[in-house]
Amino acid sequence: MSQKNQKTLAREFAIQFLYQSESDKIFHFSDSHFGDFAKHFQISSDIQSTVRDMCRSTLDRISEIDTLIVSFSANWKIDRMASIDRNVLRLAISELMDKSAPPKVVLNEAIELAKKYGTNDSGKFVNGILDRIVKSFK
């Protein structure tokens, strides 16, 4: 599997873990919770640490990230957003903060994740918010 495909797959697992964490009302990173998730979904060892790092980075800063989302999402309260959209945004913002990938890549991947797992409007919604955030980072 290429480096690009591994990172894309890692993002997919990260979104699933963030979604599950929110459903379980666990708003912090837990090694045991992640371990159970990784075992259940049989995440291969070659991407497991990447997924763990993405999830930890996102959950460690969740309140800061949520504040940023709210400030750039006019007329949208965070708890009114679709859970998938909210978690795609959280992961993407975490990656932008970490500078772990070029902003254009982070945006494109987030939009694709939103389209794949969200509603018909998720891609546009995520794109609109992330585009404003990326411009503010410059």
C-alpha atoms as a PDB file:
ATOM      1  CA  MET A   1       0.000   0.000   0.000  1.00  0.00           C
ATOM      2  CA  SER A   2       1.371   3.389  -0.938  1.00  0.00           C
ATOM      3  CA  GLN A   3       2.124   6.091   1.642  1.00  0.00           C
ATOM      4  CA  LYS A   4      -0.826   8.142   0.345  1.00  0.00           C
ATOM      5  CA  ASN A   5      -3.270   5.255   0.611  1.00  0.00           C
ATOM      6  CA  GLN A   6      -2.034   4.466   4.133  1.00  0.00           C
ATOM      7  CA  LYS A   7      -2.665   8.035   5.280  1.00  0.00           C
ATOM      8  CA  THR A   8      -6.124   8.026   3.669  1.00  0.00           C
ATOM      9  CA  LEU A   9      -6.978   4.746   5.375  1.00  0.00           C
ATOM     10  CA  ALA A  10      -5.626   6.083   8.679  1.00  0.00           C
ATOM     11  CA  ARG A  11      -7.931   9.098   8.349  1.00  0.00           C
ATOM     12  CA  GLU A  12     -10.914   6.824   7.739  1.00  0.00           C
ATOM     13  CA  PHE A  13     -10.177   4.830  10.882  1.00  0.00           C
ATOM     14  CA  ALA A  14      -9.567   8.049  12.828  1.00  0.00           C
ATOM     15  CA  ILE A  15     -12.989   9.399  11.807  1.00  0.00           C
ATOM     16  CA  GLN A  16     -14.608   6.139  12.857  1.00  0.00           C
ATOM     17  CA  PHE A  17     -12.817   6.232  16.231  1.00  0.00           C
ATOM     18  CA  LEU A  18     -13.733   9.889  16.828  1.00  0.00           C
ATOM     19  CA  TYR A  19     -17.350   9.126  15.931  1.00  0.00           C
ATOM     20  CA  GLN A  20     -17.387   6.133  18.282  1.00  0.00           C
ATOM     21  CA  SER A  21     -15.731   8.139  21.064  1.00  0.00           C
ATOM     22  CA  GLU A  22     -18.391  10.812  20.746  1.00  0.00           C
ATOM     23  CA  SER A  23     -21.155   8.195  20.746  1.00  0.00           C
ATOM     24  CA  ASP A  24     -19.630   6.679  23.892  1.00  0.00           C
ATOM     25  CA  LYS A  25     -19.272  10.194  25.375  1.00  0.00           C
ATOM     26  CA  ILE A  26     -15.512   9.794  25.746  1.00  0.00           C
ATOM     27  CA  PHE A  27     -14.048  13.216  24.964  1.00  0.00           C
ATOM     28  CA  HIS A  28     -10.443  12.424  25.803  1.00  0.00           C
ATOM     29  CA  PHE A  29      -7.955   9.972  24.379  1.00  0.00           C
ATOM     30  CA  SER A  30      -7.942   6.595  26.105  1.00  0.00           C
ATOM     31  CA  ASP A  31      -5.341   3.966  25.213  1.00  0.00           C
ATOM     32  CA  SER A  32      -7.647   1.152  26.305  1.00  0.00           C
ATOM     33  CA  HIS A  33     -10.582   2.506  24.294  1.00  0.00           C
ATOM     34  CA  PHE A  34      -8.342   2.888  21.244  1.00  0.00           C
ATOM     35  CA  GLY A  35      -6.849  -0.574  21.783  1.00  0.00           C
ATOM     36  CA  ASP A  36     -10.321  -2.143  21.816  1.00  0.00           C
ATOM     37  CA  PHE A  37     -11.251  -0.213  18.676  1.00  0.00           C
ATOM     38  CA  ALA A  38      -8.047  -1.184  16.842  1.00  0.00           C
ATOM     39  CA  LYS A  39      -8.504  -4.834  17.774  1.00  0.00           C
ATOM     40  CA  HIS A  40     -12.171  -4.881  16.766  1.00  0.00           C
ATOM     41  CA  PHE A  41     -11.475  -3.274  13.365  1.00  0.00           C
ATOM     42  CA  GLN A  42      -8.230  -5.213  12.922  1.00  0.00           C
ATOM     43  CA  ILE A  43      -6.227  -2.106  12.098  1.00  0.00           C
ATOM     44  CA  SER A  44      -2.939  -3.231  10.624  1.00  0.00           C
ATOM     45  CA  SER A  45       0.193  -2.524  12.631  1.00  0.00           C
ATOM     46  CA  ASP A  46       1.671  -0.417   9.802  1.00  0.00           C
ATOM     47  CA  ILE A  47      -0.965   2.318  10.243  1.00  0.00           C
ATOM     48  CA  GLN A  48      -2.092   1.799  13.832  1.00  0.00           C
ATOM     49  CA  SER A  49       0.350   4.332  15.304  1.00  0.00           C
ATOM     50  CA  THR A  50      -0.689   6.930  12.697  1.00  0.00           C
ATOM     51  CA  VAL A  51      -4.353   6.448  13.564  1.00  0.00           C
ATOM     52  CA  ARG A  52      -3.551   6.621  17.295  1.00  0.00           C
ATOM     53  CA  ASP A  53      -1.546   9.840  16.832  1.00  0.00           C
ATOM     54  CA  MET A  54      -4.331  11.459  14.792  1.00  0.00           C
ATOM     55  CA  CYS A  55      -6.965  10.554  17.366  1.00  0.00           C
ATOM     56  CA  ARG A  56      -4.850  11.582  20.352  1.00  0.00           C
ATOM     57  CA  SER A  57      -3.931  14.913  18.732  1.00  0.00           C
ATOM     58  CA  THR A  58      -7.572  15.644  17.960  1.00  0.00           C
ATOM     59  CA  LEU A  59      -9.027  14.611  21.305  1.00  0.00           C
ATOM     60  CA  ASP A  60      -6.273  16.313  23.324  1.00  0.00           C
ATOM     61  CA  ARG A  61      -7.340  19.656  21.800  1.00  0.00           C
ATOM     62  CA  ILE A  62     -11.040  19.035  21.286  1.00  0.00           C
ATOM     63  CA  SER A  63     -12.266  22.139  23.127  1.00  0.00           C
ATOM     64  CA  GLU A  64      -9.820  24.406  21.268  1.00  0.00           C
ATOM     65  CA  ILE A  65     -10.792  22.804  17.954  1.00  0.00           C
ATOM     66  CA  ASP A  66     -14.525  23.057  18.693  1.00  0.00           C
ATOM     67  CA  THR A  67     -14.122  26.748  19.551  1.00  0.00           C
ATOM     68  CA  LEU A  68     -12.431  27.279  16.186  1.00  0.00           C
ATOM     69  CA  ILE A  69     -15.194  25.392  14.358  1.00  0.00           C
ATOM     70  CA  VAL A  70     -17.890  27.499  16.018  1.00  0.00           C
ATOM     71  CA  SER A  71     -16.092  30.745  15.219  1.00  0.00           C
ATOM     72  CA  PHE A  72     -15.948  29.860  11.502  1.00  0.00           C
ATOM     73  CA  SER A  73     -19.371  28.254  11.103  1.00  0.00           C
ATOM     74  CA  ALA A  74     -21.815  31.123  10.932  1.00  0.00           C
ATOM     75  CA  ASN A  75     -25.206  30.266  12.387  1.00  0.00           C
ATOM     76  CA  TRP A  76     -24.235  26.696  13.277  1.00  0.00           C
ATOM     77  CA  LYS A  77     -23.945  25.472  16.841  1.00  0.00           C
ATOM     78  CA  ILE A  78     -21.519  22.585  17.118  1.00  0.00           C
ATOM     79  CA  ASP A  79     -24.064  20.251  18.697  1.00  0.00           C
ATOM     80  CA  ARG A  80     -26.462  20.879  15.798  1.00  0.00           C
ATOM     81  CA  MET A  81     -23.932  19.709  13.183  1.00  0.00           C
ATOM     82  CA  ALA A  82     -24.071  16.143  11.957  1.00  0.00           C
ATOM     83  CA  SER A  83     -21.702  14.031  14.043  1.00  0.00           C
ATOM     84  CA  ILE A  84     -19.732  12.876  11.000  1.00  0.00           C
ATOM     85  CA  ASP A  85     -19.295  16.441   9.739  1.00  0.00           C
ATOM     86  CA  ARG A  86     -18.207  17.610  13.186  1.00  0.00           C
ATOM     87  CA  ASN A  87     -15.623  14.846  13.506  1.00  0.00           C
ATOM     88  CA  VAL A  88     -14.302  15.276   9.967  1.00  0.00           C
ATOM     89  CA  LEU A  89     -13.808  18.965  10.784  1.00  0.00           C
ATOM     90  CA  ARG A  90     -12.103  18.114  14.088  1.00  0.00           C
ATOM     91  CA  LEU A  91      -9.636  15.734  12.459  1.00  0.00           C
ATOM     92  CA  ALA A  92      -8.868  18.113   9.587  1.00  0.00           C
ATOM     93  CA  ILE A  93      -8.311  21.061  11.927  1.00  0.00           C
ATOM     94  CA  SER A  94      -6.049  18.949  14.090  1.00  0.00           C
ATOM     95  CA  GLU A  95      -4.005  18.042  11.017  1.00  0.00           C
ATOM     96  CA  LEU A  96      -3.856  21.690   9.966  1.00  0.00           C
ATOM     97  CA  MET A  97      -2.650  22.671  13.446  1.00  0.00           C
ATOM     98  CA  ASP A  98      -0.027  19.917  13.408  1.00  0.00           C
ATOM     99  CA  LYS A  99       1.031  20.845   9.864  1.00  0.00           C
ATOM    100  CA  SER A 100       1.238  17.093   9.249  1.00  0.00           C
ATOM    101  CA  ALA A 101       0.155  17.454   5.613  1.00  0.00           C
ATOM    102  CA  PRO A 102      -0.227  20.302   3.124  1.00  0.00           C
ATOM    103  CA  PRO A 103      -3.483  22.252   3.693  1.00  0.00           C
ATOM    104  CA  LYS A 104      -4.747  21.399   0.197  1.00  0.00           C
ATOM    105  CA  VAL A 105      -4.335  17.671   0.924  1.00  0.00           C
ATOM    106  CA  VAL A 106      -6.052  17.982   4.316  1.00  0.00           C
ATOM    107  CA  LEU A 107      -8.975  19.858   2.708  1.00  0.00           C
ATOM    108  CA  ASN A 108      -9.376  17.397  -0.156  1.00  0.00           C
ATOM    109  CA  GLU A 109      -9.221  14.374   2.155  1.00  0.00           C
ATOM    110  CA  ALA A 110     -11.714  15.924   4.594  1.00  0.00           C
ATOM    111  CA  ILE A 111     -14.159  16.709   1.794  1.00  0.00           C
ATOM    112  CA  GLU A 112     -13.896  13.148   0.469  1.00  0.00           C
ATOM    113  CA  LEU A 113     -14.446  11.699   3.970  1.00  0.00           C
ATOM    114  CA  ALA A 114     -17.470  13.947   4.468  1.00  0.00           C
ATOM    115  CA  LYS A 115     -18.925  12.858   1.116  1.00  0.00           C
ATOM    116  CA  LYS A 116     -18.254   9.188   1.845  1.00  0.00           C
ATOM    117  CA  TYR A 117     -19.615   9.036   5.396  1.00  0.00           C
ATOM    118  CA  GLY A 118     -21.893  12.083   5.672  1.00  0.00           C
ATOM    119  CA  THR A 119     -24.957  13.421   3.930  1.00  0.00           C
ATOM    120  CA  ASN A 120     -25.339  14.822   0.409  1.00  0.00           C
ATOM    121  CA  ASP A 121     -24.450  18.281   1.736  1.00  0.00           C
ATOM    122  CA  SER A 122     -21.558  17.232   3.995  1.00  0.00           C
ATOM    123  CA  GLY A 123     -18.816  17.813   1.426  1.00  0.00           C
ATOM    124  CA  LYS A 124     -19.938  21.388   0.746  1.00  0.00           C
ATOM    125  CA  PHE A 125     -20.452  22.122   4.441  1.00  0.00           C
ATOM    126  CA  VAL A 126     -16.993  20.832   5.448  1.00  0.00           C
ATOM    127  CA  ASN A 127     -15.364  22.591   2.489  1.00  0.00           C
ATOM    128  CA  GLY A 128     -16.921  25.935   3.387  1.00  0.00           C
ATOM    129  CA  ILE A 129     -15.769  25.888   7.001  1.00  0.00           C
ATOM    130  CA  LEU A 130     -12.301  24.477   6.326  1.00  0.00           C
ATOM    131  CA  ASP A 131     -11.701  26.923   3.488  1.00  0.00           C
ATOM    132  CA  ARG A 132     -12.350  29.856   5.847  1.00  0.00           C
ATOM    133  CA  ILE A 133     -10.127  28.316   8.529  1.00  0.00           C
ATOM    134  CA  VAL A 134      -7.241  27.665   6.116  1.00  0.00           C
ATOM    135  CA  LYS A 135      -7.404  31.274   4.882  1.00  0.00           C
ATOM    136  CA  SER A 136      -7.252  32.503   8.485  1.00  0.00           C
ATOM    137  CA  PHE A 137      -4.116  30.417   9.149  1.00  0.00           C
ATOM    138  CA  LYS A 138      -2.177  32.224   6.412  1.00  0.00           C
END
